[in-house]
Structure formats: C-alpha cells, structure tokens
Amino acid sequence: MNVSDPIADMLTRIRNASRAHHLEVVVPASRVKREIARILVEEGFIASFSEGKDELGVHPVITLHLKYVDGKASVVSGLKRISKPGSASTPARRTSPGSWAAWASSSSAPARGS
C-alpha cells in the first residue's frame, strides 16, 4: 500500500480503532511514528506501544495499545493533523510581485494593501 501521508494514515488508524473500541492498532514503523507514539504515551493518550514485525515477519510495525476511561470511552478524541510538511502558510491576497519577496523574507506576512 502506497500512502502519500504516512502520519495522517497513522492518526486515521488510531482514530478509527478507538471509535471501534479496539484494544490495539498496528501501523507501519518509522522513526517519526515511533517518536509520535512515545509522545502519545508520555501525554497519556495511549497506554503503551511495542515494536515488532508484520504477520509475515518482513516489515517492521508499531503496535499501539489504546487507552479507555472506565473501559468505555476512548481517551483519544478529535485527533487530527494540524500541519502538513511542504505546505506553506501564505496570505490569501497579494497586491504586487514585490510583496512575495517581502513576505518570504519576514517572519510575518506584510499588511494588507502593501
């Protein structure tokens, strides 16, 4: 399976598994996903995670052990990706080609109408 956004895929798998009250969810492993799993455990959103191989013993996977309050309500709710790598936040309107350079070189966008 070719996934264009593996982090969004991981978050979707967690969200879907928690809605279906699964005890665990398996995602393909990567360093970034391992760190995300570590942070989710640290912050109390999932119970734990473990690393291993897929059912064929070929590809590395991370198994996330989901956490529920009183065994019923999922601790994870409203999980979504806030930013996507490679997509820049740009002002909605430009008045001149020069404003692109001014915006790109500053830490904030130029005032409207500049």
N, C-alpha and C. Protein backbone atom coordinates (compact mmCIF):
# COMPACT_ATOMS: atom_id res chain seq x y z
N MET A 1 0.84 -1.18 0.00
CA MET A 1 0.00 0.00 0.00
C MET A 1 0.89 1.24 0.00
N ASN A 2 0.67 2.13 -0.94
CA ASN A 2 1.43 3.36 -1.04
C ASN A 2 0.62 4.50 -0.42
N VAL A 3 1.12 5.05 0.66
CA VAL A 3 0.42 6.12 1.37
C VAL A 3 1.19 7.41 1.15
N SER A 4 0.48 8.46 0.72
CA SER A 4 1.17 9.72 0.44
C SER A 4 1.46 10.51 1.71
N ASP A 5 0.70 10.29 2.78
CA ASP A 5 0.94 10.97 4.05
C ASP A 5 0.88 9.94 5.18
N PRO A 6 2.02 9.32 5.49
CA PRO A 6 2.02 8.24 6.48
C PRO A 6 1.62 8.67 7.89
N ILE A 7 1.87 9.93 8.25
CA ILE A 7 1.48 10.40 9.59
C ILE A 7 -0.03 10.53 9.67
N ALA A 8 -0.64 11.09 8.64
CA ALA A 8 -2.11 11.19 8.61
C ALA A 8 -2.73 9.80 8.62
N ASP A 9 -2.09 8.85 7.93
CA ASP A 9 -2.57 7.47 7.92
C ASP A 9 -2.52 6.89 9.34
N MET A 10 -1.44 7.14 10.06
CA MET A 10 -1.31 6.65 11.44
C MET A 10 -2.41 7.22 12.31
N LEU A 11 -2.63 8.53 12.23
CA LEU A 11 -3.65 9.18 13.04
C LEU A 11 -5.04 8.67 12.70
N THR A 12 -5.31 8.42 11.42
CA THR A 12 -6.60 7.89 10.99
C THR A 12 -6.80 6.49 11.54
N ARG A 13 -5.76 5.67 11.51
CA ARG A 13 -5.86 4.31 12.06
C ARG A 13 -6.16 4.35 13.56
N ILE A 14 -5.51 5.25 14.29
CA ILE A 14 -5.75 5.39 15.72
C ILE A 14 -7.19 5.84 15.97
N ARG A 15 -7.61 6.85 15.23
CA ARG A 15 -8.97 7.39 15.38
C ARG A 15 -10.02 6.31 15.09
N ASN A 16 -9.86 5.57 13.99
CA ASN A 16 -10.81 4.53 13.62
C ASN A 16 -10.82 3.38 14.63
N ALA A 17 -9.65 2.97 15.08
CA ALA A 17 -9.57 1.87 16.05
C ALA A 17 -10.21 2.26 17.38
N SER A 18 -10.01 3.51 17.81
CA SER A 18 -10.60 3.93 19.08
C SER A 18 -12.12 4.04 18.97
N ARG A 19 -12.62 4.48 17.83
CA ARG A 19 -14.08 4.54 17.63
C ARG A 19 -14.70 3.15 17.62
N ALA A 20 -13.94 2.16 17.14
CA ALA A 20 -14.43 0.78 17.09
C ALA A 20 -14.11 0.02 18.39
N HIS A 21 -13.54 0.71 19.37
CA HIS A 21 -13.18 0.14 20.68
C HIS A 21 -12.20 -1.03 20.58
N HIS A 22 -11.26 -0.94 19.64
CA HIS A 22 -10.20 -1.95 19.54
C HIS A 22 -9.20 -1.71 20.66
N LEU A 23 -8.56 -2.75 21.10
CA LEU A 23 -7.56 -2.63 22.17
C LEU A 23 -6.21 -2.18 21.63
N GLU A 24 -5.95 -2.50 20.37
CA GLU A 24 -4.67 -2.10 19.77
C GLU A 24 -4.83 -1.83 18.28
N VAL A 25 -3.87 -1.11 17.75
CA VAL A 25 -3.83 -0.82 16.32
C VAL A 25 -2.39 -0.95 15.85
N VAL A 26 -2.20 -1.52 14.67
CA VAL A 26 -0.87 -1.75 14.12
C VAL A 26 -0.64 -0.79 12.96
N VAL A 27 0.52 -0.12 12.99
CA VAL A 27 0.90 0.81 11.91
C VAL A 27 2.30 0.46 11.43
N PRO A 28 2.59 0.71 10.15
CA PRO A 28 3.96 0.50 9.66
C PRO A 28 4.92 1.39 10.47
N ALA A 29 6.08 0.88 10.77
CA ALA A 29 7.04 1.59 11.63
C ALA A 29 7.90 2.58 10.86
N SER A 30 8.24 3.66 11.54
CA SER A 30 9.24 4.62 11.08
C SER A 30 9.74 5.35 12.33
N ARG A 31 10.85 6.05 12.19
CA ARG A 31 11.39 6.80 13.33
C ARG A 31 10.42 7.87 13.81
N VAL A 32 9.81 8.57 12.87
CA VAL A 32 8.87 9.64 13.22
C VAL A 32 7.66 9.07 13.94
N LYS A 33 7.12 7.98 13.43
CA LYS A 33 5.95 7.36 14.08
C LYS A 33 6.30 6.83 15.47
N ARG A 34 7.51 6.31 15.62
CA ARG A 34 7.96 5.84 16.94
C ARG A 34 7.99 7.01 17.92
N GLU A 35 8.47 8.16 17.48
CA GLU A 35 8.52 9.34 18.36
C GLU A 35 7.10 9.85 18.66
N ILE A 36 6.22 9.82 17.68
CA ILE A 36 4.84 10.23 17.91
C ILE A 36 4.20 9.29 18.94
N ALA A 37 4.43 7.98 18.79
CA ALA A 37 3.90 7.01 19.74
C ALA A 37 4.44 7.27 21.14
N ARG A 38 5.73 7.57 21.24
CA ARG A 38 6.35 7.85 22.54
C ARG A 38 5.69 9.05 23.19
N ILE A 39 5.45 10.09 22.41
CA ILE A 39 4.80 11.30 22.94
C ILE A 39 3.36 11.01 23.35
N LEU A 40 2.65 10.21 22.55
CA LEU A 40 1.26 9.86 22.90
C LEU A 40 1.21 9.10 24.22
N VAL A 41 2.20 8.24 24.48
CA VAL A 41 2.27 7.53 25.77
C VAL A 41 2.60 8.51 26.88
N GLU A 42 3.62 9.35 26.66
CA GLU A 42 4.04 10.35 27.65
C GLU A 42 2.89 11.25 28.07
N GLU A 43 2.08 11.67 27.11
CA GLU A 43 0.98 12.59 27.38
C GLU A 43 -0.30 11.87 27.83
N GLY A 44 -0.28 10.54 27.87
CA GLY A 44 -1.40 9.78 28.39
C GLY A 44 -2.53 9.50 27.40
N PHE A 45 -2.27 9.65 26.11
CA PHE A 45 -3.31 9.40 25.11
C PHE A 45 -3.43 7.93 24.73
N ILE A 46 -2.33 7.19 24.83
CA ILE A 46 -2.38 5.74 24.61
C ILE A 46 -1.69 5.07 25.79
N ALA A 47 -2.01 3.80 26.03
CA ALA A 47 -1.45 3.09 27.18
C ALA A 47 0.03 2.78 26.98
N SER A 48 0.37 2.23 25.81
CA SER A 48 1.75 1.87 25.52
C SER A 48 1.87 1.55 24.03
N PHE A 49 3.10 1.25 23.62
CA PHE A 49 3.32 0.78 22.25
C PHE A 49 4.46 -0.21 22.26
N SER A 50 4.48 -1.07 21.26
CA SER A 50 5.56 -2.04 21.13
C SER A 50 5.94 -2.13 19.66
N GLU A 51 7.15 -2.61 19.43
CA GLU A 51 7.63 -2.73 18.06
C GLU A 51 7.83 -4.21 17.72
N GLY A 52 7.62 -4.54 16.47
CA GLY A 52 7.80 -5.91 16.02
C GLY A 52 7.77 -5.98 14.51
N LYS A 53 7.43 -7.14 14.00
CA LYS A 53 7.33 -7.36 12.55
C LYS A 53 5.88 -7.64 12.20
N ASP A 54 5.53 -7.43 10.93
CA ASP A 54 4.17 -7.72 10.47
C ASP A 54 3.91 -9.22 10.53
N GLU A 55 2.69 -9.64 10.17
CA GLU A 55 2.32 -11.06 10.27
C GLU A 55 3.19 -11.97 9.41
N LEU A 56 3.81 -11.43 8.39
CA LEU A 56 4.71 -12.23 7.55
C LEU A 56 6.14 -12.22 8.09
N GLY A 57 6.38 -11.38 9.10
CA GLY A 57 7.72 -11.28 9.67
C GLY A 57 8.70 -10.54 8.80
N VAL A 58 8.18 -9.68 7.92
CA VAL A 58 9.04 -9.00 6.95
C VAL A 58 9.22 -7.52 7.29
N HIS A 59 8.12 -6.81 7.45
CA HIS A 59 8.16 -5.36 7.64
C HIS A 59 8.02 -4.97 9.11
N PRO A 60 8.79 -3.97 9.56
CA PRO A 60 8.65 -3.53 10.94
C PRO A 60 7.32 -2.79 11.15
N VAL A 61 6.69 -3.03 12.30
CA VAL A 61 5.43 -2.37 12.64
C VAL A 61 5.48 -1.88 14.08
N ILE A 62 4.61 -0.95 14.38
CA ILE A 62 4.43 -0.46 15.75
C ILE A 62 3.00 -0.81 16.14
N THR A 63 2.85 -1.47 17.29
CA THR A 63 1.53 -1.79 17.82
C THR A 63 1.23 -0.81 18.94
N LEU A 64 0.18 -0.03 18.75
CA LEU A 64 -0.24 0.96 19.75
C LEU A 64 -1.35 0.35 20.59
N HIS A 65 -1.17 0.37 21.90
CA HIS A 65 -2.16 -0.18 22.83
C HIS A 65 -3.03 0.98 23.32
N LEU A 66 -4.28 0.99 22.87
CA LEU A 66 -5.17 2.12 23.12
C LEU A 66 -5.63 2.16 24.57
N LYS A 67 -6.05 3.34 24.99
CA LYS A 67 -6.42 3.58 26.38
C LYS A 67 -7.88 4.04 26.41
N TYR A 68 -8.63 3.51 27.37
CA TYR A 68 -10.04 3.88 27.52
C TYR A 68 -10.31 4.26 28.97
N VAL A 69 -11.22 5.21 29.18
CA VAL A 69 -11.63 5.63 30.51
C VAL A 69 -12.74 4.70 30.96
N ASP A 70 -12.56 4.07 32.12
CA ASP A 70 -13.53 3.11 32.66
C ASP A 70 -13.84 1.99 31.66
N GLY A 71 -12.91 1.69 30.78
CA GLY A 71 -13.09 0.63 29.80
C GLY A 71 -14.09 0.94 28.71
N LYS A 72 -14.61 2.17 28.65
CA LYS A 72 -15.66 2.51 27.70
C LYS A 72 -15.27 3.64 26.75
N ALA A 73 -15.05 4.81 27.30
CA ALA A 73 -14.78 6.00 26.49
C ALA A 73 -13.30 6.08 26.12
N SER A 74 -13.03 6.28 24.86
CA SER A 74 -11.66 6.40 24.37
C SER A 74 -11.02 7.68 24.89
N VAL A 75 -9.77 7.59 25.27
CA VAL A 75 -9.03 8.78 25.69
C VAL A 75 -8.76 9.67 24.48
N VAL A 76 -8.61 9.05 23.31
CA VAL A 76 -8.35 9.79 22.08
C VAL A 76 -9.67 10.23 21.47
N SER A 77 -9.79 11.54 21.23
CA SER A 77 -10.96 12.06 20.52
C SER A 77 -10.55 13.29 19.74
N GLY A 78 -11.13 13.48 18.59
CA GLY A 78 -10.84 14.66 17.78
C GLY A 78 -9.41 14.74 17.30
N LEU A 79 -8.78 13.61 17.05
CA LEU A 79 -7.40 13.56 16.60
C LEU A 79 -7.30 14.02 15.16
N LYS A 80 -6.45 15.03 14.90
CA LYS A 80 -6.27 15.48 13.52
C LYS A 80 -4.88 16.05 13.32
N ARG A 81 -4.47 16.06 12.09
CA ARG A 81 -3.18 16.60 11.68
C ARG A 81 -3.32 18.11 11.55
N ILE A 82 -2.43 18.86 12.18
CA ILE A 82 -2.52 20.32 12.12
C ILE A 82 -1.73 20.87 10.94
N SER A 83 -0.52 20.40 10.74
CA SER A 83 0.27 20.92 9.62
C SER A 83 0.77 19.76 8.78
N LYS A 84 1.00 20.06 7.53
CA LYS A 84 1.47 19.05 6.59
C LYS A 84 2.82 19.51 6.04
N PRO A 85 3.83 18.65 6.07
CA PRO A 85 5.14 19.06 5.55
C PRO A 85 5.05 19.50 4.08
N GLY A 86 5.76 20.56 3.78
CA GLY A 86 5.81 21.01 2.40
C GLY A 86 4.74 22.01 2.02
N SER A 87 3.76 22.21 2.90
CA SER A 87 2.74 23.20 2.55
C SER A 87 2.98 24.45 3.39
N ALA A 88 3.21 25.55 2.72
CA ALA A 88 3.50 26.80 3.40
C ALA A 88 2.21 27.56 3.67
N SER A 89 2.21 28.28 4.75
CA SER A 89 1.06 29.13 5.06
C SER A 89 1.32 30.48 4.40
N THR A 90 0.47 30.85 3.47
CA THR A 90 0.67 32.10 2.74
C THR A 90 -0.56 32.98 2.88
N PRO A 91 -0.36 34.28 2.85
CA PRO A 91 -1.51 35.19 2.90
C PRO A 91 -2.42 34.96 1.70
N ALA A 92 -3.69 35.23 1.87
CA ALA A 92 -4.68 34.94 0.83
C ALA A 92 -4.56 35.87 -0.37
N ARG A 93 -4.07 37.09 -0.20
CA ARG A 93 -4.08 38.05 -1.30
C ARG A 93 -2.71 38.73 -1.46
N ARG A 94 -2.32 38.94 -2.68
CA ARG A 94 -1.08 39.65 -3.00
C ARG A 94 -1.44 40.82 -3.90
N THR A 95 -0.81 41.96 -3.65
CA THR A 95 -1.11 43.12 -4.47
C THR A 95 -0.02 43.40 -5.49
N SER A 96 1.20 42.94 -5.22
CA SER A 96 2.27 43.16 -6.19
C SER A 96 3.28 42.04 -6.07
N PRO A 97 4.04 41.79 -7.16
CA PRO A 97 5.05 40.73 -7.10
C PRO A 97 6.08 40.98 -6.00
N GLY A 98 6.36 42.24 -5.68
CA GLY A 98 7.33 42.57 -4.64
C GLY A 98 6.87 42.12 -3.26
N SER A 99 5.57 42.02 -3.06
CA SER A 99 5.08 41.62 -1.75
C SER A 99 5.43 40.17 -1.44
N TRP A 100 5.61 39.35 -2.48
CA TRP A 100 6.03 37.95 -2.24
C TRP A 100 7.39 37.92 -1.58
N ALA A 101 8.32 38.70 -2.11
CA ALA A 101 9.68 38.72 -1.56
C ALA A 101 9.68 39.29 -0.15
N ALA A 102 8.90 40.34 0.08
CA ALA A 102 8.83 40.94 1.41
C ALA A 102 8.25 39.95 2.41
N TRP A 103 7.21 39.22 2.01
CA TRP A 103 6.59 38.26 2.90
C TRP A 103 7.53 37.10 3.20
N ALA A 104 8.21 36.60 2.16
CA ALA A 104 9.09 35.44 2.32
C ALA A 104 10.29 35.76 3.20
N SER A 105 10.76 37.00 3.19
CA SER A 105 11.94 37.34 3.96
C SER A 105 11.62 37.78 5.39
N SER A 106 10.36 38.02 5.69
CA SER A 106 10.00 38.45 7.04
C SER A 106 9.40 37.28 7.82
N SER A 107 9.26 37.48 9.12
CA SER A 107 8.69 36.42 9.95
C SER A 107 7.17 36.45 9.91
N SER A 108 6.59 37.52 9.40
CA SER A 108 5.13 37.58 9.28
C SER A 108 4.77 38.19 7.94
N ALA A 109 3.54 38.00 7.54
CA ALA A 109 3.08 38.50 6.26
C ALA A 109 2.97 40.02 6.28
N PRO A 110 3.16 40.67 5.12
CA PRO A 110 3.02 42.13 5.07
C PRO A 110 1.56 42.51 5.30
N ALA A 111 1.35 43.74 5.73
CA ALA A 111 -0.01 44.23 5.98
C ALA A 111 -0.78 44.25 4.67
N ARG A 112 -2.07 44.09 4.77
CA ARG A 112 -2.92 44.12 3.56
C ARG A 112 -2.77 45.44 2.84
N GLY A 113 -2.73 45.37 1.54
CA GLY A 113 -2.63 46.57 0.74
C GLY A 113 -1.21 47.06 0.56
N SER A 114 -0.20 46.37 1.10
CA SER A 114 1.20 46.81 0.94
C SER A 114 1.75 46.26 -0.34
